[in-house]
Amino acid sequence: MVRLIRFINSYGGATTIQTLVSAAPQIRNVLALISLVTFIYAALGLNLFANVMYREVYGPQNNFRDILNSLLLLLR
């Protein structure tokens, strides 16, 4: 924590914080886009691979049988 404060103060603390605050909407837009693309791929995997039989790697925890498992599998 102390190192972070020293870093911010050494490079102009107010300028750094202003830059982060002004970039927050763009960062939020990028995260929303990444979330939307991940959800679309999860839904696509749900439609394509929901009826695949369990094997070594594809088991009860790693599957596309429901949307939650699909999202978790994509995040892994």
Protein backbone atom coordinates (compact mmCIF):
# COMPACT_ATOMS: atom_id res chain seq x y z
CA MET A 1 0.00 0.00 0.00
CA VAL A 2 2.82 2.38 0.86
CA ARG A 3 4.53 1.62 -2.46
CA LEU A 4 1.33 2.42 -4.32
CA ILE A 5 1.02 5.78 -2.58
CA ARG A 6 4.69 6.58 -3.30
CA PHE A 7 4.21 5.64 -6.95
CA ILE A 8 1.15 7.87 -7.30
CA ASN A 9 2.86 10.78 -5.57
CA SER A 10 6.04 10.46 -7.64
CA TYR A 11 4.18 10.74 -10.94
CA GLY A 12 1.71 13.43 -9.96
CA GLY A 13 -1.03 11.93 -7.84
CA ALA A 14 -3.86 14.18 -8.97
CA THR A 15 -3.07 13.66 -12.66
CA THR A 16 -2.97 9.88 -12.31
CA ILE A 17 -6.25 9.73 -10.43
CA GLN A 18 -7.91 12.14 -12.88
CA THR A 19 -6.77 9.95 -15.77
CA LEU A 20 -8.18 6.81 -14.16
CA VAL A 21 -11.48 8.51 -13.39
CA SER A 22 -11.81 9.89 -16.92
CA ALA A 23 -11.00 6.45 -18.44
CA ALA A 24 -13.57 4.61 -16.28
CA PRO A 25 -16.47 4.80 -18.80
CA GLN A 26 -14.31 3.38 -21.59
CA ILE A 27 -13.05 0.60 -19.33
CA ARG A 28 -16.64 -0.21 -18.38
CA ASN A 29 -17.60 -0.39 -22.08
CA VAL A 30 -14.74 -2.78 -22.85
CA LEU A 31 -15.65 -5.03 -19.91
CA ALA A 32 -19.29 -5.04 -21.01
CA LEU A 33 -18.25 -6.04 -24.53
CA ILE A 34 -16.05 -8.86 -23.23
CA SER A 35 -18.90 -10.08 -21.01
CA LEU A 36 -21.34 -10.01 -23.92
CA VAL A 37 -19.00 -11.97 -26.20
CA THR A 38 -18.38 -14.54 -23.44
CA PHE A 39 -22.13 -14.93 -22.91
CA ILE A 40 -22.70 -15.39 -26.64
CA TYR A 41 -20.01 -18.10 -26.81
CA ALA A 42 -21.53 -19.80 -23.75
CA ALA A 43 -24.97 -19.83 -25.38
CA LEU A 44 -23.49 -21.14 -28.62
CA GLY A 45 -21.67 -23.90 -26.73
CA LEU A 46 -24.89 -24.70 -24.91
CA ASN A 47 -26.71 -25.19 -28.21
CA LEU A 48 -23.93 -27.17 -29.90
CA PHE A 49 -22.48 -29.34 -27.12
CA ALA A 50 -25.27 -29.88 -24.57
CA ASN A 51 -25.81 -33.55 -25.48
CA VAL A 52 -22.18 -34.69 -25.69
CA MET A 53 -21.45 -37.72 -23.50
CA TYR A 54 -19.13 -37.40 -20.51
CA ARG A 55 -15.53 -38.50 -21.08
CA GLU A 56 -12.18 -37.96 -19.31
CA VAL A 57 -12.01 -34.17 -19.51
CA TYR A 58 -15.66 -33.45 -20.27
CA GLY A 59 -17.44 -34.44 -17.05
CA PRO A 60 -20.04 -33.27 -14.54
CA GLN A 61 -18.13 -30.06 -13.77
CA ASN A 62 -16.80 -29.32 -17.27
CA ASN A 63 -19.77 -29.26 -19.58
CA PHE A 64 -22.16 -27.13 -21.60
CA ARG A 65 -25.35 -28.59 -20.11
CA ASP A 66 -26.54 -25.28 -18.60
CA ILE A 67 -25.56 -21.63 -18.93
CA LEU A 68 -23.73 -21.41 -15.59
CA ASN A 69 -21.49 -24.39 -16.37
CA SER A 70 -20.93 -22.98 -19.86
CA LEU A 71 -19.76 -19.64 -18.50
CA LEU A 72 -17.52 -21.28 -15.90
CA LEU A 73 -15.99 -23.56 -18.52
CA LEU A 74 -15.23 -20.60 -20.78
CA LEU A 75 -13.71 -18.65 -17.92
CA ARG A 76 -11.44 -21.56 -17.04
